[in-house]
Amino acid sequence: MPDIQLPEGIKIVTAPEQPRYTKDDFVSGADVRWCPGCGDYSILAMMQRTLARFNVPREEYVFVSGIGCSSRFPYYMNTYGFHTIHGRALTVATGVKCANPKLKVWVITGDGDGLSIGGNHLIHALRRNVDINVCLVNNQIYGLTKGQYSPTSELGKVTKSSPYGSIEHPVNALCLAIASEATFVARTLDTDPKHMQTVFERALMHKGVSFIEIFQNCIIFNDKAHAPTTGKDTRDDRMIYLEDGKPLVFGKQKEKAIRIKRLNTEVVDIAEAKAAGKELFIHNEKDDDPSAAYLLTQMQYPAKPVPFGVFRAIERPTYDDLLDQQMKQVMAEKGPGDLKRLVYGSETWTVK
């Protein structure tokens, strides 16, 4: 676990202290209605396990979702929850956090809900650095509405709404997050629960907005969409797990790495690079300059291995804290507000 200052009210449970909660404490008891084999089951289980490691009362958590398969999440968590309308989860979550800053707010959204109709709200929540955690479940398809192409579907994707292949260039979710200056950006996957739990823990301990892209498999409408990258037979050569302060090394024998060349990344053989005196790329998640993190978001299969882990984790004042400070300052200078005076004040007009 990284050595960082935990936000107020957060304390991770380590031996010999006994945790107050177990995973079952966060299970709502509602029937989980996802297709058998859906990656959302793994995400739900890891979220419940993660929260159980923190001695935070269940009533201090709020899960907010939009529309989509993953957006059923609030029903399955034994916490407070809000199932909102399509694309508006971030606006509701922002309001919840600003109204009660002590709450730990999670947003569960999908590649369609979060990047299509909700894309504008996502950008502004990230740039404002609202102290909420956003999990974007990416299966590269509209699953709930039965298999139309989504903003992250690959070029040429044949679906019910693109029978001759999609002609749209896909959205790179992490690229969008970095460009929006999110202070915590990470990627994980549904088939690596241990890694997913670690990322969830890091996000919960981060003070500020956390954006997590989760590669998830839709077994019905887009089965094995991520398999070329994350499959058991291919992952060693096509995935990189990011570690702060360490080079980006991958391959079955850990023989390959990444270096920076002319403002871009390139794959090199470690032995050959050392012999030629070439410096390998060292990951620095705390770098306030987002340039290197942005380069990592551009690494995509098949040209390059795909990074997983924490891309960026920096500190910056949060929107909800700044709003609270501003309101206290204004009230100290002008006193409490007067709603009647506001309504009947000089800045009114009459509709004739």
Protein backbone atom coordinates (compact mmCIF):
# COMPACT_ATOMS: atom_id res chain seq x y z
CA MET A 1 0.00 0.00 0.00
CA PRO A 2 1.48 3.42 -0.94
CA ASP A 3 2.66 5.72 1.85
CA ILE A 4 0.18 8.56 1.47
CA GLN A 5 -1.97 10.72 3.74
CA LEU A 6 -5.42 9.21 4.01
CA PRO A 7 -8.48 11.46 3.63
CA GLU A 8 -10.53 12.26 6.72
CA GLY A 9 -12.63 9.31 7.86
CA ILE A 10 -10.63 6.73 5.89
CA LYS A 11 -8.61 4.05 7.61
CA ILE A 12 -7.50 0.83 6.00
CA VAL A 13 -7.65 -2.23 8.21
CA THR A 14 -4.41 -4.18 8.69
CA ALA A 15 -3.49 -6.97 11.11
CA PRO A 16 -3.67 -7.31 14.02
CA GLU A 17 -6.65 -4.92 14.07
CA GLN A 18 -9.90 -6.70 13.36
CA PRO A 19 -12.02 -5.27 10.53
CA ARG A 20 -15.44 -4.03 11.46
CA TYR A 21 -17.05 -5.31 8.28
CA THR A 22 -16.93 -8.29 5.95
CA LYS A 23 -17.80 -8.54 2.27
CA ASP A 24 -21.26 -9.86 3.18
CA ASP A 25 -22.02 -6.65 5.05
CA PHE A 26 -22.02 -4.85 1.71
CA VAL A 27 -24.22 -7.38 -0.07
CA SER A 28 -27.72 -5.93 -0.38
CA GLY A 29 -29.59 -9.20 -0.76
CA ALA A 30 -31.25 -8.14 -4.02
CA ASP A 31 -31.15 -10.68 -6.85
CA VAL A 32 -28.17 -9.88 -9.03
CA ARG A 33 -29.51 -9.78 -12.58
CA TRP A 34 -26.59 -9.93 -14.96
CA CYS A 35 -26.03 -12.57 -17.58
CA PRO A 36 -24.14 -15.67 -16.37
CA GLY A 37 -20.45 -15.10 -16.97
CA CYS A 38 -20.73 -11.29 -17.07
CA GLY A 39 -17.61 -9.48 -15.90
CA ASP A 40 -19.74 -7.22 -13.70
CA TYR A 41 -19.95 -10.01 -11.10
CA SER A 42 -16.21 -9.78 -10.52
CA ILE A 43 -16.32 -5.98 -10.29
CA LEU A 44 -19.17 -6.10 -7.76
CA ALA A 45 -17.42 -8.70 -5.58
CA MET A 46 -14.15 -6.77 -5.54
CA MET A 47 -15.91 -3.54 -4.65
CA GLN A 48 -17.63 -5.23 -1.71
CA ARG A 49 -14.34 -6.78 -0.57
CA THR A 50 -12.56 -3.44 -0.89
CA LEU A 51 -15.04 -1.49 1.23
CA ALA A 52 -14.91 -4.20 3.90
CA ARG A 53 -11.20 -3.41 4.40
CA PHE A 54 -12.01 0.13 5.52
CA ASN A 55 -13.71 0.84 8.82
CA VAL A 56 -16.14 3.27 7.26
CA PRO A 57 -19.85 2.90 8.14
CA ARG A 58 -21.99 1.70 5.25
CA GLU A 59 -24.23 4.75 5.51
CA GLU A 60 -21.27 6.96 4.57
CA TYR A 61 -21.03 5.40 1.11
CA VAL A 62 -23.21 6.43 -1.84
CA PHE A 63 -23.22 4.66 -5.21
CA VAL A 64 -24.59 6.68 -8.12
CA SER A 65 -25.21 5.25 -11.58
CA GLY A 66 -26.74 6.18 -14.91
CA ILE A 67 -28.23 3.73 -17.41
CA GLY A 68 -26.73 0.44 -18.60
CA CYS A 69 -25.96 -3.04 -17.33
CA SER A 70 -23.28 -1.81 -14.91
CA SER A 71 -25.65 0.90 -13.66
CA ARG A 72 -27.64 -1.68 -11.70
CA PHE A 73 -24.77 -1.55 -9.22
CA PRO A 74 -26.51 0.55 -6.52
CA TYR A 75 -29.20 -2.13 -6.08
CA TYR A 76 -26.57 -4.71 -5.16
CA MET A 77 -24.61 -2.62 -2.64
CA ASN A 78 -25.83 -2.46 0.96
CA THR A 79 -25.14 1.28 1.05
CA TYR A 80 -26.99 4.38 -0.04
CA GLY A 81 -27.52 4.54 -3.79
CA PHE A 82 -29.07 6.59 -6.56
CA HIS A 83 -29.99 5.13 -9.96
CA THR A 84 -30.20 8.25 -12.12
CA ILE A 85 -31.07 8.88 -15.76
CA HIS A 86 -28.91 8.29 -18.83
CA GLY A 87 -25.62 10.18 -18.72
CA ARG A 88 -26.41 12.24 -15.62
CA ALA A 89 -24.72 10.21 -12.88
CA LEU A 90 -21.81 12.67 -12.58
CA THR A 91 -24.09 15.66 -12.02
CA VAL A 92 -26.01 13.90 -9.25
CA ALA A 93 -22.79 12.63 -7.67
CA THR A 94 -21.34 16.15 -7.69
CA GLY A 95 -24.45 17.45 -5.93
CA VAL A 96 -24.32 14.66 -3.34
CA LYS A 97 -20.67 15.34 -2.54
CA CYS A 98 -21.11 19.11 -2.32
CA ALA A 99 -24.21 18.80 -0.14
CA ASN A 100 -22.52 16.35 2.25
CA PRO A 101 -18.72 16.31 1.85
CA LYS A 102 -18.33 13.54 4.44
CA LEU A 103 -19.87 10.97 2.11
CA LYS A 104 -17.68 8.65 0.04
CA VAL A 105 -19.26 8.84 -3.40
CA TRP A 106 -18.77 6.25 -6.16
CA VAL A 107 -20.06 6.61 -9.71
CA ILE A 108 -20.60 3.42 -11.72
CA THR A 109 -21.01 4.06 -15.42
CA GLY A 110 -20.35 2.37 -18.75
CA ASP A 111 -18.64 3.29 -22.00
CA GLY A 112 -21.99 4.27 -23.50
CA ASP A 113 -23.49 6.05 -20.49
CA GLY A 114 -20.27 7.80 -19.50
CA LEU A 115 -18.69 8.66 -22.83
CA SER A 116 -21.71 9.31 -25.08
CA ILE A 117 -24.63 11.20 -23.58
CA GLY A 118 -22.71 11.69 -20.33
CA GLY A 119 -19.38 12.65 -21.90
CA ASN A 120 -19.68 16.37 -21.25
CA HIS A 121 -20.54 15.84 -17.58
CA LEU A 122 -17.60 13.46 -17.21
CA ILE A 123 -15.14 16.03 -18.59
CA HIS A 124 -16.28 18.74 -16.19
CA ALA A 125 -16.37 16.50 -13.11
CA LEU A 126 -12.79 15.47 -13.86
CA ARG A 127 -11.46 18.98 -14.50
CA ARG A 128 -13.18 20.32 -11.38
CA ASN A 129 -11.53 17.60 -9.28
CA VAL A 130 -14.69 16.73 -7.38
CA ASP A 131 -13.77 14.27 -4.61
CA ILE A 132 -15.65 11.30 -6.09
CA ASN A 133 -14.60 7.95 -7.54
CA VAL A 134 -15.65 7.16 -11.11
CA CYS A 135 -15.59 3.57 -12.40
CA LEU A 136 -16.14 3.37 -16.14
CA VAL A 137 -16.93 -0.22 -17.13
CA ASN A 138 -15.76 -0.63 -20.73
CA ASN A 139 -17.01 -3.59 -22.75
CA GLN A 140 -16.95 -1.68 -26.06
CA ILE A 141 -20.66 -2.27 -26.71
CA TYR A 142 -24.18 -1.21 -25.65
CA GLY A 143 -25.14 -4.34 -23.73
CA LEU A 144 -28.41 -3.35 -22.05
CA THR A 145 -30.02 -2.28 -25.34
CA LYS A 146 -28.85 -5.46 -27.06
CA GLY A 147 -25.63 -4.88 -28.90
CA GLN A 148 -25.28 -1.56 -30.70
CA TYR A 149 -21.79 -0.12 -31.19
CA SER A 150 -20.62 2.28 -28.45
CA PRO A 151 -18.16 5.20 -28.32
CA THR A 152 -15.31 2.76 -27.56
CA SER A 153 -16.17 0.16 -30.23
CA GLU A 154 -13.33 -0.35 -32.68
CA LEU A 155 -13.38 1.04 -36.21
CA GLY A 156 -15.22 -1.36 -38.52
CA LYS A 157 -17.21 -3.00 -35.69
CA VAL A 158 -20.26 -4.79 -37.10
CA THR A 159 -23.29 -4.49 -34.84
CA LYS A 160 -27.07 -4.13 -35.10
CA SER A 161 -26.65 -0.37 -35.49
CA SER A 162 -23.59 -0.62 -37.77
CA PRO A 163 -24.37 -3.57 -40.08
CA TYR A 164 -21.62 -2.55 -42.51
CA GLY A 165 -19.09 -1.69 -39.83
CA SER A 166 -18.68 1.38 -37.65
CA ILE A 167 -17.01 4.32 -39.39
CA GLU A 168 -16.34 6.17 -36.12
CA HIS A 169 -12.93 6.47 -34.50
CA PRO A 170 -13.26 5.13 -30.92
CA VAL A 171 -12.90 7.27 -27.81
CA ASN A 172 -9.82 6.62 -25.69
CA ALA A 173 -11.27 6.91 -22.17
CA LEU A 174 -7.95 7.38 -20.36
CA CYS A 175 -6.76 9.89 -22.95
CA LEU A 176 -9.92 11.90 -22.21
CA ALA A 177 -9.30 11.65 -18.45
CA ILE A 178 -5.69 12.84 -18.72
CA ALA A 179 -6.67 15.68 -21.07
CA SER A 180 -9.33 16.72 -18.54
CA GLU A 181 -6.59 16.94 -15.87
CA ALA A 182 -8.03 14.22 -13.62
CA THR A 183 -5.82 13.86 -10.54
CA PHE A 184 -6.10 10.06 -10.33
CA VAL A 185 -6.30 7.94 -13.48
CA ALA A 186 -6.08 4.15 -13.60
CA ARG A 187 -7.01 1.09 -15.62
CA THR A 188 -7.76 -2.45 -14.46
CA LEU A 189 -9.63 -5.51 -15.74
CA ASP A 190 -12.38 -7.85 -14.58
CA THR A 191 -10.24 -11.02 -14.89
CA ASP A 192 -7.59 -9.81 -12.43
CA PRO A 193 -9.51 -9.33 -9.17
CA LYS A 194 -6.41 -8.80 -7.03
CA HIS A 195 -5.23 -5.94 -9.22
CA MET A 196 -8.76 -4.52 -9.38
CA GLN A 197 -9.03 -4.46 -5.58
CA THR A 198 -5.67 -2.69 -5.28
CA VAL A 199 -6.81 -0.01 -7.74
CA PHE A 200 -10.12 0.43 -5.88
CA GLU A 201 -8.23 0.87 -2.60
CA ARG A 202 -5.92 3.46 -4.15
CA ALA A 203 -8.90 5.36 -5.55
CA LEU A 204 -10.72 5.38 -2.23
CA MET A 205 -7.66 6.75 -0.45
CA HIS A 206 -7.11 9.47 -3.06
CA LYS A 207 -8.25 12.98 -2.16
CA GLY A 208 -9.82 14.27 -5.35
CA VAL A 209 -11.48 12.77 -8.39
CA SER A 210 -10.54 9.19 -9.25
CA PHE A 211 -11.17 7.81 -12.73
CA ILE A 212 -10.86 4.07 -13.29
CA GLU A 213 -11.40 2.38 -16.63
CA ILE A 214 -12.28 -1.30 -16.17
CA PHE A 215 -11.92 -3.67 -19.12
CA GLN A 216 -15.01 -5.88 -18.85
CA ASN A 217 -16.32 -8.73 -20.94
CA CYS A 218 -19.90 -8.75 -22.27
CA ILE A 219 -20.31 -12.45 -22.87
CA ILE A 220 -23.52 -12.07 -24.89
CA PHE A 221 -23.00 -9.15 -27.28
CA ASN A 222 -19.22 -8.65 -27.40
CA ASP A 223 -17.58 -11.77 -26.02
CA LYS A 224 -13.78 -11.75 -25.80
CA ALA A 225 -13.51 -8.14 -26.99
CA HIS A 226 -10.42 -7.64 -24.83
CA ALA A 227 -9.05 -11.18 -25.23
CA PRO A 228 -6.42 -10.24 -27.86
CA THR A 229 -4.80 -8.12 -25.13
CA THR A 230 -5.79 -9.75 -21.84
CA GLY A 231 -6.14 -13.43 -22.81
CA LYS A 232 -4.08 -15.98 -20.88
CA ASP A 233 -2.06 -16.92 -23.95
CA THR A 234 -1.32 -13.33 -25.02
CA ARG A 235 -1.25 -11.11 -21.93
CA ASP A 236 2.48 -11.47 -21.18
CA ASP A 237 3.42 -9.84 -24.47
CA ARG A 238 0.48 -7.44 -24.76
CA MET A 239 0.00 -6.07 -21.24
CA ILE A 240 2.16 -3.95 -18.94
CA TYR A 241 1.47 -3.48 -15.24
CA LEU A 242 2.56 0.01 -14.21
CA GLU A 243 4.68 0.36 -11.06
CA ASP A 244 5.64 3.77 -9.75
CA GLY A 245 9.37 4.44 -9.98
CA LYS A 246 10.06 1.39 -12.12
CA PRO A 247 10.63 0.80 -15.85
CA LEU A 248 7.81 -0.54 -18.02
CA VAL A 249 8.93 -4.14 -18.48
CA PHE A 250 6.91 -6.91 -20.14
CA GLY A 251 7.18 -10.16 -22.11
CA LYS A 252 7.13 -13.79 -20.99
CA GLN A 253 10.77 -13.54 -19.95
CA LYS A 254 10.52 -9.87 -18.97
CA GLU A 255 12.87 -9.19 -21.84
CA LYS A 256 11.14 -6.15 -23.35
CA ALA A 257 10.59 -2.60 -22.14
CA ILE A 258 9.41 0.86 -23.19
CA ARG A 259 11.52 3.93 -23.87
CA ILE A 260 10.72 7.45 -25.01
CA LYS A 261 11.89 8.48 -28.48
CA ARG A 262 10.99 11.75 -30.16
CA LEU A 263 7.98 12.46 -27.94
CA ASN A 264 6.62 8.95 -28.45
CA THR A 265 6.97 5.50 -26.93
CA GLU A 266 8.75 2.56 -28.53
CA VAL A 267 9.28 -1.08 -27.64
CA VAL A 268 12.90 -2.13 -27.09
CA ASP A 269 14.76 -5.29 -26.15
CA ILE A 270 16.16 -4.67 -22.67
CA ALA A 271 19.55 -6.28 -23.35
CA GLU A 272 20.01 -4.41 -26.61
CA ALA A 273 18.88 -1.13 -25.06
CA LYS A 274 21.36 -1.44 -22.20
CA ALA A 275 24.16 -2.35 -24.60
CA ALA A 276 23.41 0.73 -26.66
CA GLY A 277 23.17 2.95 -23.58
CA LYS A 278 19.50 3.71 -24.16
CA GLU A 279 17.52 4.84 -21.14
CA LEU A 280 14.28 3.01 -20.38
CA PHE A 281 11.07 4.87 -19.54
CA ILE A 282 10.61 5.10 -15.75
CA HIS A 283 7.03 5.49 -14.63
CA ASN A 284 6.28 8.44 -12.34
CA GLU A 285 2.61 8.56 -11.35
CA LYS A 286 3.20 11.63 -9.16
CA ASP A 287 4.46 13.81 -12.01
CA ASP A 288 2.32 16.95 -12.07
CA ASP A 289 3.03 17.30 -15.81
CA PRO A 290 0.52 14.97 -17.55
CA SER A 291 2.61 14.59 -20.71
CA ALA A 292 4.17 11.22 -19.87
CA ALA A 293 0.87 9.82 -18.60
CA TYR A 294 -0.76 10.95 -21.83
CA LEU A 295 1.85 9.05 -23.85
CA LEU A 296 0.99 5.92 -21.89
CA THR A 297 -2.69 6.27 -22.80
CA GLN A 298 -1.69 6.15 -26.47
CA MET A 299 -0.14 2.69 -26.13
CA GLN A 300 -2.69 0.35 -27.71
CA TYR A 301 -2.74 -3.15 -29.17
CA PRO A 302 -1.59 -4.29 -31.70
CA ALA A 303 1.15 -1.69 -32.16
CA LYS A 304 2.18 -1.68 -28.49
CA PRO A 305 1.37 -3.41 -25.20
CA VAL A 306 -1.54 -1.96 -23.20
CA PRO A 307 -0.75 -0.44 -19.75
CA PHE A 308 -2.72 -1.32 -16.62
CA GLY A 309 -2.43 0.27 -13.20
CA VAL A 310 -2.21 3.84 -11.94
CA PHE A 311 -1.25 6.30 -14.67
CA ARG A 312 -1.47 9.43 -12.55
CA ALA A 313 -1.93 10.25 -8.85
CA ILE A 314 -1.35 13.89 -7.90
CA GLU A 315 -2.69 16.30 -5.31
CA ARG A 316 -4.77 19.36 -6.09
CA PRO A 317 -7.51 21.28 -4.20
CA THR A 318 -10.92 19.68 -4.66
CA TYR A 319 -14.02 21.41 -5.96
CA ASP A 320 -16.14 20.49 -2.94
CA ASP A 321 -13.54 21.80 -0.47
CA LEU A 322 -13.13 25.06 -2.41
CA LEU A 323 -16.92 25.49 -2.57
CA ASP A 324 -17.24 24.92 1.17
CA GLN A 325 -14.47 27.45 1.90
CA GLN A 326 -16.03 30.00 -0.42
CA MET A 327 -19.47 29.67 1.17
CA LYS A 328 -18.03 30.05 4.68
CA GLN A 329 -16.09 33.15 3.62
CA VAL A 330 -19.13 34.76 2.00
CA MET A 331 -21.34 34.02 5.02
CA ALA A 332 -18.70 35.46 7.35
CA GLU A 333 -18.62 38.67 5.31
CA LYS A 334 -22.31 39.06 4.43
CA GLY A 335 -24.14 36.88 6.92
CA PRO A 336 -26.65 34.12 6.14
CA GLY A 337 -28.70 34.45 2.97
CA ASP A 338 -32.27 35.77 2.84
CA LEU A 339 -34.36 33.84 0.31
CA LYS A 340 -37.33 36.25 0.46
CA ARG A 341 -35.08 39.23 -0.16
CA LEU A 342 -33.50 37.43 -3.09
CA VAL A 343 -36.85 36.55 -4.68
CA TYR A 344 -38.33 40.03 -4.21
CA GLY A 345 -35.13 41.93 -4.80
CA SER A 346 -34.33 44.47 -7.50
CA GLU A 347 -33.22 41.93 -10.11
CA THR A 348 -36.73 40.79 -11.01
CA TRP A 349 -38.89 41.18 -14.08
CA THR A 350 -42.55 40.93 -15.02
CA VAL A 351 -43.79 38.72 -17.84
CA LYS A 352 -46.65 40.40 -19.69
